[in-house]
C-alpha atoms as a PDB file:
ATOM      1  CA  UNK A   1     246.114 267.779 -16.521  1.00  0.00           C
ATOM      2  CA  UNK A   2     248.503 266.942 -19.354  1.00  0.00           C
ATOM      3  CA  UNK A   3     247.294 264.993 -22.361  1.00  0.00           C
ATOM      4  CA  UNK A   4     248.882 261.643 -23.135  1.00  0.00           C
ATOM      5  CA  UNK A   5     250.089 262.697 -26.563  1.00  0.00           C
ATOM      6  CA  UNK A   6     253.254 261.000 -27.743  1.00  0.00           C
ATOM      7  CA  UNK A   7     255.263 262.259 -30.694  1.00  0.00           C
ATOM      8  CA  UNK A   8     256.923 260.111 -33.385  1.00  0.00           C
ATOM      9  CA  UNK A   9     260.467 259.042 -32.514  1.00  0.00           C
ATOM     10  CA  UNK A  10     261.425 259.097 -36.139  1.00  0.00           C
ATOM     11  CA  UNK A  11     259.653 261.858 -38.033  1.00  0.00           C
ATOM     12  CA  UNK A  12     259.719 261.634 -41.802  1.00  0.00           C
ATOM     13  CA  UNK A  13     261.923 264.277 -43.363  1.00  0.00           C
ATOM     14  CA  UNK A  14     259.961 267.256 -44.568  1.00  0.00           C
ATOM     15  CA  UNK A  15     256.663 265.996 -43.108  1.00  0.00           C
ATOM     16  CA  UNK A  16     255.378 267.708 -39.994  1.00  0.00           C
ATOM     17  CA  UNK A  17     252.949 266.424 -37.401  1.00  0.00           C
ATOM     18  CA  UNK A  18     250.624 269.190 -38.407  1.00  0.00           C
ATOM     19  CA  UNK A  19     250.384 267.632 -41.845  1.00  0.00           C
ATOM     20  CA  UNK A  20     249.486 264.295 -40.303  1.00  0.00           C
ATOM     21  CA  UNK A  21     246.851 266.034 -38.156  1.00  0.00           C
ATOM     22  CA  UNK A  22     245.315 267.519 -41.300  1.00  0.00           C
ATOM     23  CA  UNK A  23     244.990 263.965 -42.640  1.00  0.00           C
ATOM     24  CA  UNK A  24     243.032 263.021 -39.523  1.00  0.00           C
ATOM     25  CA  UNK A  25     245.863 261.336 -37.643  1.00  0.00           C
ATOM     26  CA  UNK A  26     247.409 263.149 -34.698  1.00  0.00           C
ATOM     27  CA  UNK A  27     249.926 260.495 -33.724  1.00  0.00           C
ATOM     28  CA  UNK A  28     247.945 258.995 -30.856  1.00  0.00           C
ATOM     29  CA  UNK A  29     244.305 258.226 -30.205  1.00  0.00           C
ATOM     30  CA  UNK A  30     242.022 260.290 -28.084  1.00  0.00           C
ATOM     31  CA  UNK A  31     241.537 258.163 -24.943  1.00  0.00           C
ATOM     32  CA  UNK A  32     238.005 258.148 -23.519  1.00  0.00           C
ATOM     33  CA  UNK A  33     236.957 256.349 -20.348  1.00  0.00           C
ATOM     34  CA  UNK A  34     233.393 254.937 -20.331  1.00  0.00           C
ATOM     35  CA  UNK A  35     231.394 252.733 -18.011  1.00  0.00           C
ATOM     36  CA  UNK A  36     228.163 250.816 -17.510  1.00  0.00           C
ATOM     37  CA  UNK A  37     225.400 253.343 -18.193  1.00  0.00           C
ATOM     38  CA  UNK A  38     223.117 253.142 -21.255  1.00  0.00           C
ATOM     39  CA  UNK A  39     223.987 256.646 -22.400  1.00  0.00           C
ATOM     40  CA  UNK A  40     227.668 255.701 -22.446  1.00  0.00           C
ATOM     41  CA  UNK A  41     227.382 252.095 -23.527  1.00  0.00           C
ATOM     42  CA  UNK A  42     225.776 253.672 -26.578  1.00  0.00           C
ATOM     43  CA  UNK A  43     229.252 254.600 -27.803  1.00  0.00           C
ATOM     44  CA  UNK A  44     229.829 250.848 -28.382  1.00  0.00           C
ATOM     45  CA  UNK A  45     227.706 251.135 -31.457  1.00  0.00           C
ATOM     46  CA  UNK A  46     230.065 253.647 -33.036  1.00  0.00           C
ATOM     47  CA  UNK A  47     233.078 251.585 -31.930  1.00  0.00           C
ATOM     48  CA  UNK A  48     231.845 248.422 -33.586  1.00  0.00           C
ATOM     49  CA  UNK A  49     230.475 250.120 -36.671  1.00  0.00           C
ATOM     50  CA  UNK A  50     233.814 251.836 -37.364  1.00  0.00           C
ATOM     51  CA  UNK A  51     232.253 255.295 -37.391  1.00  0.00           C
ATOM     52  CA  UNK A  52     235.186 257.067 -35.772  1.00  0.00           C
ATOM     53  CA  UNK A  53     237.506 255.831 -38.523  1.00  0.00           C
ATOM     54  CA  UNK A  54     234.956 256.997 -41.084  1.00  0.00           C
ATOM     55  CA  UNK A  55     234.952 260.394 -39.415  1.00  0.00           C
ATOM     56  CA  UNK A  56     238.720 260.618 -39.611  1.00  0.00           C
ATOM     57  CA  UNK A  57     239.439 260.569 -35.888  1.00  0.00           C
ATOM     58  CA  UNK A  58     241.470 258.010 -33.942  1.00  0.00           C
ATOM     59  CA  UNK A  59     239.700 257.185 -30.661  1.00  0.00           C
ATOM     60  CA  UNK A  60     240.427 254.581 -28.000  1.00  0.00           C
ATOM     61  CA  UNK A  61     237.641 253.765 -25.523  1.00  0.00           C
ATOM     62  CA  UNK A  62     238.769 252.252 -22.220  1.00  0.00           C
ATOM     63  CA  UNK A  63     236.142 250.389 -20.073  1.00  0.00           C
ATOM     64  CA  UNK A  64     236.033 250.982 -16.306  1.00  0.00           C
ATOM     65  CA  UNK A  65     233.815 250.779 -13.278  1.00  0.00           C
ATOM     66  CA  UNK A  66     232.389 254.276 -12.877  1.00  0.00           C
ATOM     67  CA  UNK A  67     234.482 255.557  -9.995  1.00  0.00           C
ATOM     68  CA  UNK A  68     237.597 253.983 -11.514  1.00  0.00           C
ATOM     69  CA  UNK A  69     236.990 255.930 -14.727  1.00  0.00           C
ATOM     70  CA  UNK A  70     237.185 259.218 -12.778  1.00  0.00           C
ATOM     71  CA  UNK A  71     240.324 258.008 -11.011  1.00  0.00           C
ATOM     72  CA  UNK A  72     241.916 257.254 -14.359  1.00  0.00           C
ATOM     73  CA  UNK A  73     240.990 260.764 -15.610  1.00  0.00           C
ATOM     74  CA  UNK A  74     242.379 262.361 -12.451  1.00  0.00           C
ATOM     75  CA  UNK A  75     245.622 260.410 -12.909  1.00  0.00           C
ATOM     76  CA  UNK A  76     245.950 261.677 -16.500  1.00  0.00           C
ATOM     77  CA  UNK A  77     245.619 258.208 -18.019  1.00  0.00           C
ATOM     78  CA  UNK A  78     242.753 259.243 -20.323  1.00  0.00           C
ATOM     79  CA  UNK A  79     241.843 262.472 -22.172  1.00  0.00           C
ATOM     80  CA  UNK A  80     238.161 262.411 -21.402  1.00  0.00           C
ATOM     81  CA  UNK A  81     235.589 260.580 -19.308  1.00  0.00           C
ATOM     82  CA  UNK A  82     231.844 259.988 -19.350  1.00  0.00           C
ATOM     83  CA  UNK A  83     230.286 261.218 -16.116  1.00  0.00           C
ATOM     84  CA  UNK A  84     227.266 263.064 -14.749  1.00  0.00           C
ATOM     85  CA  UNK A  85     227.432 266.855 -14.744  1.00  0.00           C
ATOM     86  CA  UNK A  86     227.580 266.886 -10.950  1.00  0.00           C
ATOM     87  CA  UNK A  87     230.430 264.422 -10.889  1.00  0.00           C
ATOM     88  CA  UNK A  88     232.310 266.429 -13.467  1.00  0.00           C
ATOM     89  CA  UNK A  89     232.253 269.307 -11.008  1.00  0.00           C
ATOM     90  CA  UNK A  90     233.408 267.037  -8.159  1.00  0.00           C
ATOM     91  CA  UNK A  91     236.299 265.819 -10.316  1.00  0.00           C
ATOM     92  CA  UNK A  92     237.232 269.352 -11.270  1.00  0.00           C
ATOM     93  CA  UNK A  93     237.113 270.570  -7.661  1.00  0.00           C
ATOM     94  CA  UNK A  94     239.465 267.719  -6.733  1.00  0.00           C
ATOM     95  CA  UNK A  95     242.102 269.104  -9.051  1.00  0.00           C
ATOM     96  CA  UNK A  96     241.376 267.309 -12.355  1.00  0.00           C
ATOM     97  CA  UNK A  97     239.988 270.246 -14.346  1.00  0.00           C
ATOM     98  CA  UNK A  98     237.667 269.269 -17.149  1.00  0.00           C
ATOM     99  CA  UNK A  99     235.315 270.810 -19.669  1.00  0.00           C
ATOM    100  CA  UNK A 100     231.887 269.400 -20.482  1.00  0.00           C
ATOM    101  CA  UNK A 101     231.571 269.463 -24.295  1.00  0.00           C
ATOM    102  CA  UNK A 102     228.740 267.020 -25.033  1.00  0.00           C
ATOM    103  CA  UNK A 103     225.394 266.042 -23.480  1.00  0.00           C
ATOM    104  CA  UNK A 104     224.799 262.361 -24.036  1.00  0.00           C
ATOM    105  CA  UNK A 105     221.537 261.982 -22.116  1.00  0.00           C
ATOM    106  CA  UNK A 106     219.669 262.651 -18.924  1.00  0.00           C
ATOM    107  CA  UNK A 107     218.600 260.044 -16.408  1.00  0.00           C
ATOM    108  CA  UNK A 108     214.838 259.499 -16.622  1.00  0.00           C
ATOM    109  CA  UNK A 109     214.323 256.862 -13.947  1.00  0.00           C
ATOM    110  CA  UNK A 110     217.403 254.669 -14.078  1.00  0.00           C
ATOM    111  CA  UNK A 111     218.967 256.325 -11.059  1.00  0.00           C
ATOM    112  CA  UNK A 112     217.165 255.104  -7.978  1.00  0.00           C
ATOM    113  CA  UNK A 113     216.999 255.006  -4.225  1.00  0.00           C
ATOM    114  CA  UNK A 114     216.006 251.362  -3.708  1.00  0.00           C
ATOM    115  CA  UNK A 115     214.621 250.373  -0.343  1.00  0.00           C
ATOM    116  CA  UNK A 116     214.132 246.949   1.257  1.00  0.00           C
ATOM    117  CA  UNK A 117     210.603 245.677   2.001  1.00  0.00           C
ATOM    118  CA  UNK A 118     208.802 247.716   4.617  1.00  0.00           C
ATOM    119  CA  UNK A 119     210.340 251.026   3.576  1.00  0.00           C
ATOM    120  CA  UNK A 120     207.683 252.839   1.569  1.00  0.00           C
ATOM    121  CA  UNK A 121     208.989 256.381   1.360  1.00  0.00           C
ATOM    122  CA  UNK A 122     212.039 258.529   1.967  1.00  0.00           C
ATOM    123  CA  UNK A 123     210.571 259.540   5.338  1.00  0.00           C
ATOM    124  CA  UNK A 124     210.699 255.900   6.407  1.00  0.00           C
ATOM    125  CA  UNK A 125     214.518 256.047   6.121  1.00  0.00           C
ATOM    126  CA  UNK A 126     214.814 258.330   9.156  1.00  0.00           C
ATOM    127  CA  UNK A 127     217.298 256.892  11.618  1.00  0.00           C
ATOM    128  CA  UNK A 128     218.368 254.176   9.149  1.00  0.00           C
ATOM    129  CA  UNK A 129     221.399 253.376   6.972  1.00  0.00           C
ATOM    130  CA  UNK A 130     221.615 254.110   3.241  1.00  0.00           C
ATOM    131  CA  UNK A 131     224.442 252.768   1.125  1.00  0.00           C
ATOM    132  CA  UNK A 132     225.765 254.827  -1.803  1.00  0.00           C
ATOM    133  CA  UNK A 133     228.930 256.421  -3.116  1.00  0.00           C
ATOM    134  CA  UNK A 134     229.365 259.582  -1.079  1.00  0.00           C
ATOM    135  CA  UNK A 135     229.944 262.769  -3.021  1.00  0.00           C
ATOM    136  CA  UNK A 136     228.709 261.289  -6.270  1.00  0.00           C
ATOM    137  CA  UNK A 137     225.451 261.388  -8.184  1.00  0.00           C
ATOM    138  CA  UNK A 138     223.230 259.089  -6.035  1.00  0.00           C
ATOM    139  CA  UNK A 139     224.221 261.122  -2.992  1.00  0.00           C
ATOM    140  CA  UNK A 140     222.820 264.188  -4.804  1.00  0.00           C
ATOM    141  CA  UNK A 141     219.693 262.318  -5.777  1.00  0.00           C
ATOM    142  CA  UNK A 142     219.055 261.235  -2.170  1.00  0.00           C
ATOM    143  CA  UNK A 143     219.610 264.734  -0.810  1.00  0.00           C
ATOM    144  CA  UNK A 144     217.329 266.231  -3.473  1.00  0.00           C
ATOM    145  CA  UNK A 145     214.518 263.890  -2.473  1.00  0.00           C
ATOM    146  CA  UNK A 146     215.046 264.353   1.214  1.00  0.00           C
ATOM    147  CA  UNK A 147     214.919 268.133   0.950  1.00  0.00           C
ATOM    148  CA  UNK A 148     211.570 267.847  -0.823  1.00  0.00           C
ATOM    149  CA  UNK A 149     210.065 265.985   2.111  1.00  0.00           C
ATOM    150  CA  UNK A 150     211.628 268.206   4.756  1.00  0.00           C
ATOM    151  CA  UNK A 151     214.441 265.877   5.818  1.00  0.00           C
ATOM    152  CA  UNK A 152     218.104 266.654   6.525  1.00  0.00           C
ATOM    153  CA  UNK A 153     221.062 264.491   5.595  1.00  0.00           C
ATOM    154  CA  UNK A 154     221.636 263.905   9.300  1.00  0.00           C
ATOM    155  CA  UNK A 155     218.297 262.146   9.460  1.00  0.00           C
ATOM    156  CA  UNK A 156     219.991 259.109   7.875  1.00  0.00           C
ATOM    157  CA  UNK A 157     223.350 257.406   8.182  1.00  0.00           C
ATOM    158  CA  UNK A 158     225.119 257.248   4.827  1.00  0.00           C
ATOM    159  CA  UNK A 159     227.394 254.282   4.362  1.00  0.00           C
ATOM    160  CA  UNK A 160     229.954 254.871   1.608  1.00  0.00           C
ATOM    161  CA  UNK A 161     229.441 251.970  -0.801  1.00  0.00           C
ATOM    162  CA  UNK A 162     230.780 251.595  -4.361  1.00  0.00           C
ATOM    163  CA  UNK A 163     227.880 251.595  -6.803  1.00  0.00           C
ATOM    164  CA  UNK A 164     228.771 248.205  -8.304  1.00  0.00           C
ATOM    165  CA  UNK A 165     228.739 246.753  -4.808  1.00  0.00           C
ATOM    166  CA  UNK A 166     225.317 248.132  -3.738  1.00  0.00           C
ATOM    167  CA  UNK A 167     223.272 245.035  -4.735  1.00  0.00           C
ATOM    168  CA  UNK A 168     225.343 242.828  -2.444  1.00  0.00           C
ATOM    169  CA  UNK A 169     225.270 245.472   0.298  1.00  0.00           C
ATOM    170  CA  UNK A 170     221.451 245.682   0.298  1.00  0.00           C
ATOM    171  CA  UNK A 171     221.187 241.907   0.305  1.00  0.00           C
ATOM    172  CA  UNK A 172     223.555 241.689   3.299  1.00  0.00           C
ATOM    173  CA  UNK A 173     220.738 243.132   5.407  1.00  0.00           C
ATOM    174  CA  UNK A 174     222.402 245.991   7.306  1.00  0.00           C
ATOM    175  CA  UNK A 175     221.140 248.739   5.022  1.00  0.00           C
ATOM    176  CA  UNK A 176     217.577 250.039   4.682  1.00  0.00           C
ATOM    177  CA  UNK A 177     218.217 251.345   1.197  1.00  0.00           C
ATOM    178  CA  UNK A 178     220.874 251.913  -1.465  1.00  0.00           C
ATOM    179  CA  UNK A 179     221.457 254.485  -4.178  1.00  0.00           C
ATOM    180  CA  UNK A 180     222.437 253.136  -7.578  1.00  0.00           C
ATOM    181  CA  UNK A 181     221.783 253.336 -11.294  1.00  0.00           C
ATOM    182  CA  UNK A 182     220.832 250.593 -13.722  1.00  0.00           C
ATOM    183  CA  UNK A 183     221.780 247.822 -13.997  1.00  0.00           C
ATOM    184  CA  UNK A 184     222.987 247.899 -10.389  1.00  0.00           C
ATOM    185  CA  UNK A 185     219.650 249.183  -9.046  1.00  0.00           C
ATOM    186  CA  UNK A 186     217.809 246.454 -10.896  1.00  0.00           C
ATOM    187  CA  UNK A 187     220.220 243.816  -9.621  1.00  0.00           C
ATOM    188  CA  UNK A 188     219.601 245.036  -6.054  1.00  0.00           C
ATOM    189  CA  UNK A 189     215.841 244.476  -6.496  1.00  0.00           C
ATOM    190  CA  UNK A 190     216.496 240.981  -7.841  1.00  0.00           C
ATOM    191  CA  UNK A 191     218.658 240.051  -4.888  1.00  0.00           C
ATOM    192  CA  UNK A 192     216.193 241.402  -2.332  1.00  0.00           C
ATOM    193  CA  UNK A 193     212.635 240.234  -3.190  1.00  0.00           C
ATOM    194  CA  UNK A 194     210.162 243.015  -2.466  1.00  0.00           C
ATOM    195  CA  UNK A 195     212.746 245.797  -2.651  1.00  0.00           C
ATOM    196  CA  UNK A 196     211.550 248.724  -4.729  1.00  0.00           C
ATOM    197  CA  UNK A 197     212.494 252.288  -5.755  1.00  0.00           C
ATOM    198  CA  UNK A 198     211.164 254.989  -3.447  1.00  0.00           C
ATOM    199  CA  UNK A 199     212.711 257.901  -5.360  1.00  0.00           C
ATOM    200  CA  UNK A 200     214.197 258.069  -8.842  1.00  0.00           C
ATOM    201  CA  UNK A 201     215.620 260.498 -11.357  1.00  0.00           C
ATOM    202  CA  UNK A 202     212.237 260.498 -13.088  1.00  0.00           C
ATOM    203  CA  UNK A 203     210.980 262.490 -10.086  1.00  0.00           C
ATOM    204  CA  UNK A 204     213.345 265.315 -11.061  1.00  0.00           C
ATOM    205  CA  UNK A 205     214.205 265.229 -14.789  1.00  0.00           C
ATOM    206  CA  UNK A 206     217.369 267.142 -15.470  1.00  0.00           C
ATOM    207  CA  UNK A 207     218.806 266.613 -12.032  1.00  0.00           C
ATOM    208  CA  UNK A 208     221.269 264.167 -13.576  1.00  0.00           C
ATOM    209  CA  UNK A 209     222.681 265.061 -16.991  1.00  0.00           C
ATOM    210  CA  UNK A 210     225.297 262.730 -18.466  1.00  0.00           C
ATOM    211  CA  UNK A 211     228.179 264.292 -20.347  1.00  0.00           C
ATOM    212  CA  UNK A 212     231.471 263.755 -22.120  1.00  0.00           C
ATOM    213  CA  UNK A 213     233.970 265.885 -20.310  1.00  0.00           C
ATOM    214  CA  UNK A 214     237.510 266.550 -21.569  1.00  0.00           C
ATOM    215  CA  UNK A 215     240.796 267.791 -20.129  1.00  0.00           C
ATOM    216  CA  UNK A 216     241.397 271.458 -21.107  1.00  0.00           C
ATOM    217  CA  UNK A 217     244.785 270.476 -22.518  1.00  0.00           C
ATOM    218  CA  UNK A 218     243.371 267.828 -24.840  1.00  0.00           C
ATOM    219  CA  UNK A 219     240.518 270.098 -25.861  1.00  0.00           C
ATOM    220  CA  UNK A 220     242.908 272.935 -26.761  1.00  0.00           C
ATOM    221  CA  UNK A 221     245.329 270.769 -28.740  1.00  0.00           C
ATOM    222  CA  UNK A 222     242.788 268.433 -30.454  1.00  0.00           C
ATOM    223  CA  UNK A 223     239.702 270.593 -30.799  1.00  0.00           C
ATOM    224  CA  UNK A 224     239.012 269.555 -34.383  1.00  0.00           C
ATOM    225  CA  UNK A 225     239.194 265.901 -33.409  1.00  0.00           C
ATOM    226  CA  UNK A 226     236.763 266.411 -30.526  1.00  0.00           C
ATOM    227  CA  UNK A 227     234.399 268.072 -32.971  1.00  0.00           C
ATOM    228  CA  UNK A 228     234.447 264.899 -35.059  1.00  0.00           C
ATOM    229  CA  UNK A 229     233.705 262.776 -31.977  1.00  0.00           C
ATOM    230  CA  UNK A 230     230.650 264.900 -31.221  1.00  0.00           C
ATOM    231  CA  UNK A 231     229.323 264.518 -34.755  1.00  0.00           C
ATOM    232  CA  UNK A 232     229.601 260.730 -34.421  1.00  0.00           C
ATOM    233  CA  UNK A 233     227.433 260.936 -31.309  1.00  0.00           C
ATOM    234  CA  UNK A 234     224.505 262.233 -33.375  1.00  0.00           C
ATOM    235  CA  UNK A 235     224.811 259.212 -35.648  1.00  0.00           C
ATOM    236  CA  UNK A 236     224.742 256.927 -32.603  1.00  0.00           C
ATOM    237  CA  UNK A 237     221.526 258.457 -31.236  1.00  0.00           C
ATOM    238  CA  UNK A 238     219.800 258.163 -34.600  1.00  0.00           C
ATOM    239  CA  UNK A 239     220.797 254.512 -34.976  1.00  0.00           C
ATOM    240  CA  UNK A 240     219.599 253.581 -31.480  1.00  0.00           C
ATOM    241  CA  UNK A 241     216.290 255.445 -31.758  1.00  0.00           C
ATOM    242  CA  UNK A 242     215.398 254.249 -35.276  1.00  0.00           C
ATOM    243  CA  UNK A 243     212.975 251.231 -34.947  1.00  0.00           C
ATOM    244  CA  UNK A 244     214.671 249.653 -37.952  1.00  0.00           C
ATOM    245  CA  UNK A 245     218.189 249.684 -36.461  1.00  0.00           C
ATOM    246  CA  UNK A 246     217.413 249.626 -32.743  1.00  0.00           C
ATOM    247  CA  UNK A 247     217.498 245.825 -32.447  1.00  0.00           C
ATOM    248  CA  UNK A 248     221.052 245.786 -33.806  1.00  0.00           C
ATOM    249  CA  UNK A 249     222.026 248.643 -31.523  1.00  0.00           C
ATOM    250  CA  UNK A 250     220.600 246.921 -28.445  1.00  0.00           C
ATOM    251  CA  UNK A 251     222.368 243.701 -29.396  1.00  0.00           C
ATOM    252  CA  UNK A 252     225.698 245.545 -29.493  1.00  0.00           C
ATOM    253  CA  UNK A 253     225.047 247.419 -26.222  1.00  0.00           C
ATOM    254  CA  UNK A 254     223.799 244.389 -24.321  1.00  0.00           C
ATOM    255  CA  UNK A 255     226.809 242.317 -25.380  1.00  0.00           C
ATOM    256  CA  UNK A 256     229.143 245.001 -23.956  1.00  0.00           C
ATOM    257  CA  UNK A 257     227.652 244.554 -20.463  1.00  0.00           C
ATOM    258  CA  UNK A 258     226.902 240.837 -20.592  1.00  0.00           C
ATOM    259  CA  UNK A 259     223.103 241.003 -20.784  1.00  0.00           C
ATOM    260  CA  UNK A 260     220.610 239.578 -23.263  1.00  0.00           C
ATOM    261  CA  UNK A 261     219.055 242.139 -25.617  1.00  0.00           C
ATOM    262  CA  UNK A 262     215.589 241.618 -24.192  1.00  0.00           C
ATOM    263  CA  UNK A 263     216.951 242.353 -20.702  1.00  0.00           C
ATOM    264  CA  UNK A 264     218.785 245.451 -21.826  1.00  0.00           C
ATOM    265  CA  UNK A 265     216.056 247.120 -23.862  1.00  0.00           C
ATOM    266  CA  UNK A 266     214.010 248.254 -20.823  1.00  0.00           C
ATOM    267  CA  UNK A 267     217.065 250.064 -19.455  1.00  0.00           C
ATOM    268  CA  UNK A 268     216.940 252.458 -22.406  1.00  0.00           C
ATOM    269  CA  UNK A 269     213.521 253.670 -21.276  1.00  0.00           C
ATOM    270  CA  UNK A 270     215.048 255.180 -18.149  1.00  0.00           C
ATOM    271  CA  UNK A 271     217.667 257.005 -20.218  1.00  0.00           C
ATOM    272  CA  UNK A 272     216.714 259.884 -22.504  1.00  0.00           C
ATOM    273  CA  UNK A 273     219.406 260.015 -25.188  1.00  0.00           C
ATOM    274  CA  UNK A 274     219.940 263.522 -26.527  1.00  0.00           C
ATOM    275  CA  UNK A 275     220.632 264.332 -30.166  1.00  0.00           C
ATOM    276  CA  UNK A 276     222.777 267.370 -30.840  1.00  0.00           C
ATOM    277  CA  UNK A 277     219.628 269.328 -31.728  1.00  0.00           C
ATOM    278  CA  UNK A 278     218.007 268.372 -28.418  1.00  0.00           C
ATOM    279  CA  UNK A 279     221.228 269.123 -26.607  1.00  0.00           C
ATOM    280  CA  UNK A 280     221.308 272.690 -27.980  1.00  0.00           C
ATOM    281  CA  UNK A 281     218.211 273.508 -25.910  1.00  0.00           C
ATOM    282  CA  UNK A 282     219.808 272.174 -22.755  1.00  0.00           C
ATOM    283  CA  UNK A 283     223.064 274.087 -23.360  1.00  0.00           C
ATOM    284  CA  UNK A 284     221.206 277.386 -23.147  1.00  0.00           C
ATOM    285  CA  UNK A 285     222.139 279.393 -20.045  1.00  0.00           C
ATOM    286  CA  UNK A 286     219.142 279.389 -17.712  1.00  0.00           C
ATOM    287  CA  UNK A 287     218.114 278.486 -14.179  1.00  0.00           C
ATOM    288  CA  UNK A 288     216.460 275.193 -13.318  1.00  0.00           C
ATOM    289  CA  UNK A 289     216.797 271.601 -14.457  1.00  0.00           C
ATOM    290  CA  UNK A 290     216.002 272.142 -18.145  1.00  0.00           C
ATOM    291  CA  UNK A 291     219.422 273.775 -18.547  1.00  0.00           C
ATOM    292  CA  UNK A 292     222.794 272.136 -18.100  1.00  0.00           C
ATOM    293  CA  UNK A 293     223.981 275.399 -16.504  1.00  0.00           C
ATOM    294  CA  UNK A 294     220.963 275.503 -14.164  1.00  0.00           C
ATOM    295  CA  UNK A 295     221.255 271.840 -13.236  1.00  0.00           C
ATOM    296  CA  UNK A 296     225.016 272.148 -12.672  1.00  0.00           C
ATOM    297  CA  UNK A 297     224.495 275.242 -10.531  1.00  0.00           C
ATOM    298  CA  UNK A 298     222.096 273.280  -8.300  1.00  0.00           C
ATOM    299  CA  UNK A 299     224.554 270.369  -8.128  1.00  0.00           C
ATOM    300  CA  UNK A 300     227.354 272.784  -7.313  1.00  0.00           C
ATOM    301  CA  UNK A 301     225.342 274.335  -4.496  1.00  0.00           C
ATOM    302  CA  UNK A 302     224.529 270.867  -3.071  1.00  0.00           C
ATOM    303  CA  UNK A 303     228.195 269.898  -3.240  1.00  0.00           C
ATOM    304  CA  UNK A 304     229.335 273.001  -1.384  1.00  0.00           C
ATOM    305  CA  UNK A 305     226.492 272.852   1.159  1.00  0.00           C
ATOM    306  CA  UNK A 306     227.217 269.207   2.051  1.00  0.00           C
ATOM    307  CA  UNK A 307     230.988 269.539   2.092  1.00  0.00           C
ATOM    308  CA  UNK A 308     231.802 267.547  -1.046  1.00  0.00           C
ATOM    309  CA  UNK A 309     234.108 270.470  -1.855  1.00  0.00           C
ATOM    310  CA  UNK A 310     234.521 273.956  -0.370  1.00  0.00           C
ATOM    311  CA  UNK A 311     234.468 276.502  -3.176  1.00  0.00           C
ATOM    312  CA  UNK A 312     231.785 276.911  -5.877  1.00  0.00           C
ATOM    313  CA  UNK A 313     233.017 275.887  -9.345  1.00  0.00           C
ATOM    314  CA  UNK A 314     233.250 278.270 -12.306  1.00  0.00           C
ATOM    315  CA  UNK A 315     230.562 276.936 -14.675  1.00  0.00           C
ATOM    316  CA  UNK A 316     231.769 279.173 -17.459  1.00  0.00           C
ATOM    317  CA  UNK A 317     235.029 277.243 -17.497  1.00  0.00           C
ATOM    318  CA  UNK A 318     233.455 273.863 -16.730  1.00  0.00           C
ATOM    319  CA  UNK A 319     231.080 273.925 -19.724  1.00  0.00           C
ATOM    320  CA  UNK A 320     231.890 274.617 -23.385  1.00  0.00           C
ATOM    321  CA  UNK A 321     228.765 274.337 -25.548  1.00  0.00           C
ATOM    322  CA  UNK A 322     230.356 275.584 -28.772  1.00  0.00           C
ATOM    323  CA  UNK A 323     231.385 272.235 -30.292  1.00  0.00           C
ATOM    324  CA  UNK A 324     227.986 270.633 -29.840  1.00  0.00           C
ATOM    325  CA  UNK A 325     225.902 273.637 -30.911  1.00  0.00           C
ATOM    326  CA  UNK A 326     227.575 274.600 -34.185  1.00  0.00           C
END
């Protein structure tokens, strides 16, 4: 996928673009798509605090619904996108190659399979309908849970439902459960009194890592700029986690998504933000959910097994830990 770099129409005599780049200006901002997830809304703190300008990198964040952000990346409208590691693989398999360069967090309960009253476990879903976005992260979460209790995907009927529409879909009454992340999962429980989560990402920490993934073209041409973006992330995590500054951070984040700070704060508990130091441990190549490679391998196997895409993805090309582990 080609980057959206545009060159000056009227270059100053004797001054090259390389010189501008050395001054921290590459002629056009890095365009990043982000959406309504605490680990990505966190970027709003850096945006409003002016930390990217301080770091000497020009960045433009574009707000999308989650699936629309991936569509924009696939169409080449943005240089990078915030997604789960499994969905980064799905996007890459669909032709929009990307490289995961930063771990922002892992889901620690915010991703949920929410069932209507009377459904007490995943086994109770047998023969019933579940609404979620097929091929994306909640699909993987559901399959992971079902395998644990000896169920097959064919034991349920999956109804393809956009994540931001799952609260309305559960309330409509035709579905036994939905798969969604906060705040959509919480909204579903508000709309359907008695609805509750029967399986969440807290049941399998590391199943869902959240990442910043970049087009190979942009990464190759703007590597130094992406390094600066990553360093800003560490500042964001510190600001959000520090009790002294957390109230201000939550105020900024909640305003971005139209919630009151007191309503938004609990959502952070289901999201484990990762500092660069914490991320280094996850970037180590290993099997299992404590490693981004191990988690992504499991997601890749699920995706191939359930026909999300046909061929296993090359994790060596899909993940570049070097910028975040220096």
